[in-house]
PDB file of N, CA and C in Angstrom:
ATOM      1  N   MET A   1     -11.960  -9.084  -7.847  1.00  0.00           N
ATOM      2  CA  MET A   1     -10.852  -9.351  -7.235  1.00  0.00           C
ATOM      3  C   MET A   1     -10.487  -9.556  -5.707  1.00  0.00           C
ATOM      4  N   ASP A   2     -10.017 -10.582  -5.861  1.00  0.00           N
ATOM      5  CA  ASP A   2      -9.837 -11.810  -4.541  1.00  0.00           C
ATOM      6  C   ASP A   2      -8.955 -10.728  -3.188  1.00  0.00           C
ATOM      7  N   TYR A   3      -9.058 -11.023  -2.306  1.00  0.00           N
ATOM      8  CA  TYR A   3      -7.718 -10.031  -1.063  1.00  0.00           C
ATOM      9  C   TYR A   3      -6.038 -10.826  -1.794  1.00  0.00           C
ATOM     10  N   GLN A   4      -5.685 -11.816  -1.678  1.00  0.00           N
ATOM     11  CA  GLN A   4      -4.598 -11.616  -2.608  1.00  0.00           C
ATOM     12  C   GLN A   4      -3.801 -11.373  -3.763  1.00  0.00           C
ATOM     13  N   SER A   5      -4.569 -10.944  -4.701  1.00  0.00           N
ATOM     14  CA  SER A   5      -4.642 -10.379  -5.954  1.00  0.00           C
ATOM     15  C   SER A   5      -3.889  -9.064  -5.657  1.00  0.00           C
ATOM     16  N   ILE A   6      -5.529  -8.562  -4.697  1.00  0.00           N
ATOM     17  CA  ILE A   6      -5.064  -6.840  -4.532  1.00  0.00           C
ATOM     18  C   ILE A   6      -3.773  -7.092  -3.502  1.00  0.00           C
ATOM     19  N   ARG A   7      -3.562  -7.841  -2.811  1.00  0.00           N
ATOM     20  CA  ARG A   7      -2.721  -7.706  -2.093  1.00  0.00           C
ATOM     21  C   ARG A   7      -1.330  -7.884  -2.533  1.00  0.00           C
ATOM     22  N   GLN A   8      -1.362  -8.415  -3.643  1.00  0.00           N
ATOM     23  CA  GLN A   8      -0.226  -8.563  -4.782  1.00  0.00           C
ATOM     24  C   GLN A   8       0.232  -6.895  -5.458  1.00  0.00           C
ATOM     25  N   ILE A   9      -1.249  -6.608  -5.880  1.00  0.00           N
ATOM     26  CA  ILE A   9      -0.951  -5.374  -6.329  1.00  0.00           C
ATOM     27  C   ILE A   9      -0.108  -4.313  -5.433  1.00  0.00           C
ATOM     28  N   ILE A  10      -0.361  -3.947  -4.358  1.00  0.00           N
ATOM     29  CA  ILE A  10      -0.166  -3.593  -3.410  1.00  0.00           C
ATOM     30  C   ILE A  10       1.226  -3.431  -3.029  1.00  0.00           C
ATOM     31  N   ILE A  11       1.790  -4.539  -3.065  1.00  0.00           N
ATOM     32  CA  ILE A  11       3.033  -5.290  -2.887  1.00  0.00           C
ATOM     33  C   ILE A  11       4.088  -4.805  -4.294  1.00  0.00           C
ATOM     34  N   ASP A  12       3.639  -5.032  -4.956  1.00  0.00           N
ATOM     35  CA  ASP A  12       3.942  -4.908  -6.249  1.00  0.00           C
ATOM     36  C   ASP A  12       4.594  -3.222  -6.259  1.00  0.00           C
ATOM     37  N   ILE A  13       3.463  -2.469  -6.179  1.00  0.00           N
ATOM     38  CA  ILE A  13       3.528  -0.642  -5.580  1.00  0.00           C
ATOM     39  C   ILE A  13       4.186  -0.462  -4.808  1.00  0.00           C
ATOM     40  N   ILE A  14       4.347  -1.270  -3.986  1.00  0.00           N
ATOM     41  CA  ILE A  14       5.497  -0.084  -2.951  1.00  0.00           C
ATOM     42  C   ILE A  14       6.904  -0.765  -2.909  1.00  0.00           C
ATOM     43  N   SER A  15       6.979  -1.534  -3.322  1.00  0.00           N
ATOM     44  CA  SER A  15       8.203  -2.264  -4.531  1.00  0.00           C
ATOM     45  C   SER A  15       9.061  -1.046  -5.621  1.00  0.00           C
ATOM     46  N   ASP A  16       7.849  -0.610  -6.802  1.00  0.00           N
ATOM     47  CA  ASP A  16       8.572  -0.051  -7.262  1.00  0.00           C
ATOM     48  C   ASP A  16       8.738   1.384  -6.522  1.00  0.00           C
ATOM     49  N   ILE A  17       8.092   1.964  -5.641  1.00  0.00           N
ATOM     50  CA  ILE A  17       8.027   3.130  -5.110  1.00  0.00           C
ATOM     51  C   ILE A  17       9.116   3.554  -3.623  1.00  0.00           C
ATOM     52  N   ALA A  18       9.066   2.192  -3.398  1.00  0.00           N
ATOM     53  CA  ALA A  18      10.156   1.902  -2.066  1.00  0.00           C
ATOM     54  C   ALA A  18      11.224   0.892  -2.284  1.00  0.00           C
ATOM     55  N   VAL A  19      12.231   1.352  -3.534  1.00  0.00           N
ATOM     56  CA  VAL A  19      12.532   0.216  -3.615  1.00  0.00           C
ATOM     57  C   VAL A  19      13.982  -0.803  -2.897  1.00  0.00           C
ATOM     58  N   ASP A  20      13.892   0.305  -2.126  1.00  0.00           N
ATOM     59  CA  ASP A  20      15.249  -0.057  -1.149  1.00  0.00           C
ATOM     60  C   ASP A  20      14.234  -1.212  -0.034  1.00  0.00           C
ATOM     61  N   GLU A  21      13.404  -1.082  -0.081  1.00  0.00           N
ATOM     62  CA  GLU A  21      12.034  -2.024   0.995  1.00  0.00           C
ATOM     63  C   GLU A  21      12.486  -3.758   0.947  1.00  0.00           C
ATOM     64  N   ASP A  22      12.489  -4.310   1.994  1.00  0.00           N
ATOM     65  CA  ASP A  22      12.158  -5.902   1.391  1.00  0.00           C
ATOM     66  C   ASP A  22      10.585  -6.122   1.912  1.00  0.00           C
ATOM     67  N   VAL A  23      10.437  -6.582   0.872  1.00  0.00           N
ATOM     68  CA  VAL A  23       8.590  -6.414   1.096  1.00  0.00           C
ATOM     69  C   VAL A  23       8.581  -8.276   0.989  1.00  0.00           C
ATOM     70  N   SER A  24       9.646  -9.248   0.649  1.00  0.00           N
ATOM     71  CA  SER A  24       9.105  -9.963   0.506  1.00  0.00           C
ATOM     72  C   SER A  24       8.450 -11.022   1.785  1.00  0.00           C
ATOM     73  N   ASN A  25       8.570 -10.425   3.234  1.00  0.00           N
ATOM     74  CA  ASN A  25       8.289 -10.984   4.272  1.00  0.00           C
ATOM     75  C   ASN A  25       6.674 -10.154   5.151  1.00  0.00           C
ATOM     76  N   LEU A  26       6.460  -9.682   4.148  1.00  0.00           N
ATOM     77  CA  LEU A  26       5.236  -8.533   5.005  1.00  0.00           C
ATOM     78  C   LEU A  26       4.498  -9.660   5.821  1.00  0.00           C
ATOM     79  N   ASP A  27       4.109  -8.887   6.866  1.00  0.00           N
ATOM     80  CA  ASP A  27       2.992 -10.208   7.767  1.00  0.00           C
ATOM     81  C   ASP A  27       1.639  -9.130   7.711  1.00  0.00           C
ATOM     82  N   ASP A  28       0.384  -9.825   7.332  1.00  0.00           N
ATOM     83  CA  ASP A  28      -0.731  -9.195   7.470  1.00  0.00           C
ATOM     84  C   ASP A  28      -0.984  -8.410   8.518  1.00  0.00           C
ATOM     85  N   ASN A  29      -0.332  -9.094   9.298  1.00  0.00           N
ATOM     86  CA  ASN A  29      -1.209  -8.817  11.129  1.00  0.00           C
ATOM     87  C   ASN A  29      -0.415  -7.485  12.017  1.00  0.00           C
ATOM     88  N   ILE A  30       0.851  -7.032  11.061  1.00  0.00           N
ATOM     89  CA  ILE A  30       1.144  -5.863  11.478  1.00  0.00           C
ATOM     90  C   ILE A  30       0.836  -4.335  10.483  1.00  0.00           C
ATOM     91  N   LYS A  31       1.232  -3.830  11.182  1.00  0.00           N
ATOM     92  CA  LYS A  31       0.767  -2.430  10.187  1.00  0.00           C
ATOM     93  C   LYS A  31       2.233  -2.517   9.508  1.00  0.00           C
ATOM     94  N   LEU A  32       1.291  -1.369   8.447  1.00  0.00           N
ATOM     95  CA  LEU A  32       3.006  -1.583   7.309  1.00  0.00           C
ATOM     96  C   LEU A  32       3.818  -0.635   7.585  1.00  0.00           C
ATOM     97  N   ARG A  33       3.504   0.453   8.405  1.00  0.00           N
ATOM     98  CA  ARG A  33       4.495   1.475   8.864  1.00  0.00           C
ATOM     99  C   ARG A  33       5.563   0.528   9.691  1.00  0.00           C
ATOM    100  N   GLU A  34       5.291   0.151  10.382  1.00  0.00           N
ATOM    101  CA  GLU A  34       5.829  -0.647  11.737  1.00  0.00           C
ATOM    102  C   GLU A  34       7.048  -1.573  10.927  1.00  0.00           C
ATOM    103  N   GLN A  35       6.634  -2.114   9.522  1.00  0.00           N
ATOM    104  CA  GLN A  35       7.179  -3.180   9.302  1.00  0.00           C
ATOM    105  C   GLN A  35       8.280  -2.728   7.826  1.00  0.00           C
ATOM    106  N   LEU A  36       7.714  -1.276   7.403  1.00  0.00           N
ATOM    107  CA  LEU A  36       8.519  -0.565   6.291  1.00  0.00           C
ATOM    108  C   LEU A  36       8.630   0.791   6.353  1.00  0.00           C
ATOM    109  N   ASP A  37       9.716   1.301   5.672  1.00  0.00           N
ATOM    110  CA  ASP A  37       9.847   2.395   6.560  1.00  0.00           C
ATOM    111  C   ASP A  37       9.433   3.601   5.020  1.00  0.00           C
ATOM    112  N   LEU A  38       8.256   3.589   5.267  1.00  0.00           N
ATOM    113  CA  LEU A  38       7.310   3.911   4.174  1.00  0.00           C
ATOM    114  C   LEU A  38       6.532   5.883   5.361  1.00  0.00           C
ATOM    115  N   ASP A  39       6.488   6.856   4.138  1.00  0.00           N
ATOM    116  CA  ASP A  39       5.932   8.405   4.861  1.00  0.00           C
ATOM    117  C   ASP A  39       4.875   8.696   4.154  1.00  0.00           C
ATOM    118  N   SER A  40       4.474   9.759   3.933  1.00  0.00           N
ATOM    119  CA  SER A  40       3.047   9.875   3.761  1.00  0.00           C
ATOM    120  C   SER A  40       3.027  10.088   2.331  1.00  0.00           C
ATOM    121  N   MET A  41       3.927  10.608   2.221  1.00  0.00           N
ATOM    122  CA  MET A  41       4.412  11.171   0.453  1.00  0.00           C
ATOM    123  C   MET A  41       4.326   9.441  -0.159  1.00  0.00           C
ATOM    124  N   ASP A  42       4.979   8.827   0.405  1.00  0.00           N
ATOM    125  CA  ASP A  42       5.149   6.868  -0.092  1.00  0.00           C
ATOM    126  C   ASP A  42       3.507   6.315  -0.490  1.00  0.00           C
ATOM    127  N   PHE A  43       2.626   7.181   1.110  1.00  0.00           N
ATOM    128  CA  PHE A  43       1.453   6.669   0.606  1.00  0.00           C
ATOM    129  C   PHE A  43       0.570   7.163  -0.088  1.00  0.00           C
ATOM    130  N   LEU A  44       1.025   8.171  -0.506  1.00  0.00           N
ATOM    131  CA  LEU A  44       0.165   9.369  -0.928  1.00  0.00           C
ATOM    132  C   LEU A  44       0.570   8.124  -2.820  1.00  0.00           C
ATOM    133  N   ASP A  45       1.778   8.437  -2.798  1.00  0.00           N
ATOM    134  CA  ASP A  45       2.228   7.952  -4.304  1.00  0.00           C
ATOM    135  C   ASP A  45       1.463   6.020  -4.432  1.00  0.00           C
ATOM    136  N   ILE A  46       1.189   5.913  -3.450  1.00  0.00           N
ATOM    137  CA  ILE A  46       0.343   4.242  -3.525  1.00  0.00           C
ATOM    138  C   ILE A  46      -0.591   4.384  -3.962  1.00  0.00           C
ATOM    139  N   VAL A  47      -1.661   5.396  -3.339  1.00  0.00           N
ATOM    140  CA  VAL A  47      -2.308   5.763  -3.796  1.00  0.00           C
ATOM    141  C   VAL A  47      -2.658   6.475  -5.515  1.00  0.00           C
ATOM    142  N   MET A  48      -1.274   6.919  -5.873  1.00  0.00           N
ATOM    143  CA  MET A  48      -1.862   7.388  -7.338  1.00  0.00           C
ATOM    144  C   MET A  48      -1.420   6.890  -8.029  1.00  0.00           C
ATOM    145  N   GLU A  49      -0.733   5.478  -7.916  1.00  0.00           N
ATOM    146  CA  GLU A  49      -0.722   3.996  -8.579  1.00  0.00           C
ATOM    147  C   GLU A  49      -1.345   3.329  -8.685  1.00  0.00           C
ATOM    148  N   LEU A  50      -2.272   3.412  -7.803  1.00  0.00           N
ATOM    149  CA  LEU A  50      -3.604   2.471  -7.741  1.00  0.00           C
ATOM    150  C   LEU A  50      -4.830   2.619  -8.660  1.00  0.00           C
ATOM    151  N   LYS A  51      -4.292   4.701  -8.869  1.00  0.00           N
ATOM    152  CA  LYS A  51      -5.379   5.768  -9.750  1.00  0.00           C
ATOM    153  C   LYS A  51      -4.797   4.961 -11.414  1.00  0.00           C
ATOM    154  N   LYS A  52      -3.526   5.310 -11.694  1.00  0.00           N
ATOM    155  CA  LYS A  52      -3.209   5.689 -12.492  1.00  0.00           C
ATOM    156  C   LYS A  52      -2.637   3.978 -13.364  1.00  0.00           C
ATOM    157  N   ARG A  53      -2.864   2.286 -12.730  1.00  0.00           N
ATOM    158  CA  ARG A  53      -2.522   1.265 -13.241  1.00  0.00           C
ATOM    159  C   ARG A  53      -3.943   0.811 -13.059  1.00  0.00           C
ATOM    160  N   TYR A  54      -4.593   1.205 -12.527  1.00  0.00           N
ATOM    161  CA  TYR A  54      -5.945   0.425 -12.536  1.00  0.00           C
ATOM    162  C   TYR A  54      -6.760   0.959 -11.902  1.00  0.00           C
ATOM    163  N   LYS A  55      -7.130   2.021 -12.276  1.00  0.00           N
ATOM    164  CA  LYS A  55      -8.150   3.563 -12.226  1.00  0.00           C
ATOM    165  C   LYS A  55      -9.071   3.040 -10.835  1.00  0.00           C
ATOM    166  N   ILE A  56      -8.336   3.085  -9.972  1.00  0.00           N
ATOM    167  CA  ILE A  56      -8.436   2.545  -8.966  1.00  0.00           C
ATOM    168  C   ILE A  56      -9.055   3.483  -7.917  1.00  0.00           C
ATOM    169  N   GLU A  57      -9.955   4.485  -7.391  1.00  0.00           N
ATOM    170  CA  GLU A  57     -10.011   5.581  -6.851  1.00  0.00           C
ATOM    171  C   GLU A  57     -10.507   5.022  -5.342  1.00  0.00           C
ATOM    172  N   VAL A  58      -9.571   6.397  -4.324  1.00  0.00           N
ATOM    173  CA  VAL A  58      -8.905   6.153  -2.834  1.00  0.00           C
ATOM    174  C   VAL A  58     -10.056   7.266  -2.310  1.00  0.00           C
ATOM    175  N   PRO A  59     -11.068   7.042  -2.559  1.00  0.00           N
ATOM    176  CA  PRO A  59     -11.269   8.284  -1.309  1.00  0.00           C
ATOM    177  C   PRO A  59     -10.429   9.726  -0.176  1.00  0.00           C
ATOM    178  N   THR A  60     -10.512  10.610  -0.432  1.00  0.00           N
ATOM    179  CA  THR A  60      -9.307  11.250   0.216  1.00  0.00           C
ATOM    180  C   THR A  60      -9.608  11.343   2.049  1.00  0.00           C
ATOM    181  N   GLU A  61     -10.439  10.487   2.285  1.00  0.00           N
ATOM    182  CA  GLU A  61     -10.969  10.732   3.629  1.00  0.00           C
ATOM    183  C   GLU A  61     -10.931   9.436   3.813  1.00  0.00           C
ATOM    184  N   ASP A  62     -10.110   8.683   2.907  1.00  0.00           N
ATOM    185  CA  ASP A  62      -9.650   7.195   3.768  1.00  0.00           C
ATOM    186  C   ASP A  62      -8.359   6.962   3.637  1.00  0.00           C
ATOM    187  N   TYR A  63      -7.585   8.365   3.064  1.00  0.00           N
ATOM    188  CA  TYR A  63      -6.073   8.089   2.593  1.00  0.00           C
ATOM    189  C   TYR A  63      -5.576   7.787   3.976  1.00  0.00           C
ATOM    190  N   MET A  64      -5.950   8.444   5.047  1.00  0.00           N
ATOM    191  CA  MET A  64      -5.539   8.006   7.039  1.00  0.00           C
ATOM    192  C   MET A  64      -5.796   6.632   7.215  1.00  0.00           C
ATOM    193  N   ASN A  65      -6.450   6.263   6.489  1.00  0.00           N
ATOM    194  CA  ASN A  65      -6.741   4.447   6.954  1.00  0.00           C
ATOM    195  C   ASN A  65      -5.577   3.873   6.375  1.00  0.00           C
ATOM    196  N   LEU A  66      -5.396   4.083   5.180  1.00  0.00           N
ATOM    197  CA  LEU A  66      -3.959   3.594   4.342  1.00  0.00           C
ATOM    198  C   LEU A  66      -2.829   3.417   4.973  1.00  0.00           C
ATOM    199  N   ALA A  67      -2.647   4.967   5.610  1.00  0.00           N
ATOM    200  CA  ALA A  67      -1.219   4.949   6.420  1.00  0.00           C
ATOM    201  C   ALA A  67      -1.416   4.420   7.443  1.00  0.00           C
ATOM    202  N   THR A  68      -2.006   3.676   8.484  1.00  0.00           N
ATOM    203  CA  THR A  68      -2.195   3.283   9.174  1.00  0.00           C
ATOM    204  C   THR A  68      -2.810   1.984  10.036  1.00  0.00           C
ATOM    205  N   ASP A  69      -3.304   1.359   9.173  1.00  0.00           N
ATOM    206  CA  ASP A  69      -4.174  -0.173   9.116  1.00  0.00           C
ATOM    207  C   ASP A  69      -3.985  -0.863   8.365  1.00  0.00           C
ATOM    208  N   ASN A  70      -3.115  -1.777   8.019  1.00  0.00           N
ATOM    209  CA  ASN A  70      -2.953  -1.915   6.819  1.00  0.00           C
ATOM    210  C   ASN A  70      -4.008  -3.162   6.279  1.00  0.00           C
ATOM    211  N   GLU A  71      -4.623  -3.232   7.207  1.00  0.00           N
ATOM    212  CA  GLU A  71      -6.303  -4.068   6.828  1.00  0.00           C
ATOM    213  C   GLU A  71      -7.006  -3.468   5.748  1.00  0.00           C
ATOM    214  N   LYS A  72      -6.482  -2.158   5.612  1.00  0.00           N
ATOM    215  CA  LYS A  72      -7.571  -0.959   4.707  1.00  0.00           C
ATOM    216  C   LYS A  72      -6.645  -1.238   3.328  1.00  0.00           C
ATOM    217  N   LEU A  73      -5.446  -1.392   3.722  1.00  0.00           N
ATOM    218  CA  LEU A  73      -4.744  -1.381   2.446  1.00  0.00           C
ATOM    219  C   LEU A  73      -4.693  -1.931   1.657  1.00  0.00           C
ATOM    220  N   TYR A  74      -4.679  -3.648   2.034  1.00  0.00           N
ATOM    221  CA  TYR A  74      -5.535  -4.656   1.191  1.00  0.00           C
ATOM    222  C   TYR A  74      -6.687  -4.785   1.334  1.00  0.00           C
TER     223      TYR A  74
END
């Protein structure tokens, strides 16, 4: 799976979780937390959706990276 495919999967999940957020102009060079109003539970929901939809396991020790650094998320 390439970068753009993974990015789109994450954006689709965010769109489903945070329906009021505008994800159309996300900048890969800016942390997601600075662009969207997502809290820790939202990031946990993203992880759970990755597991449910795509059988992708994110190690617990990487959860903080998801919430703080979009390069790790994409």
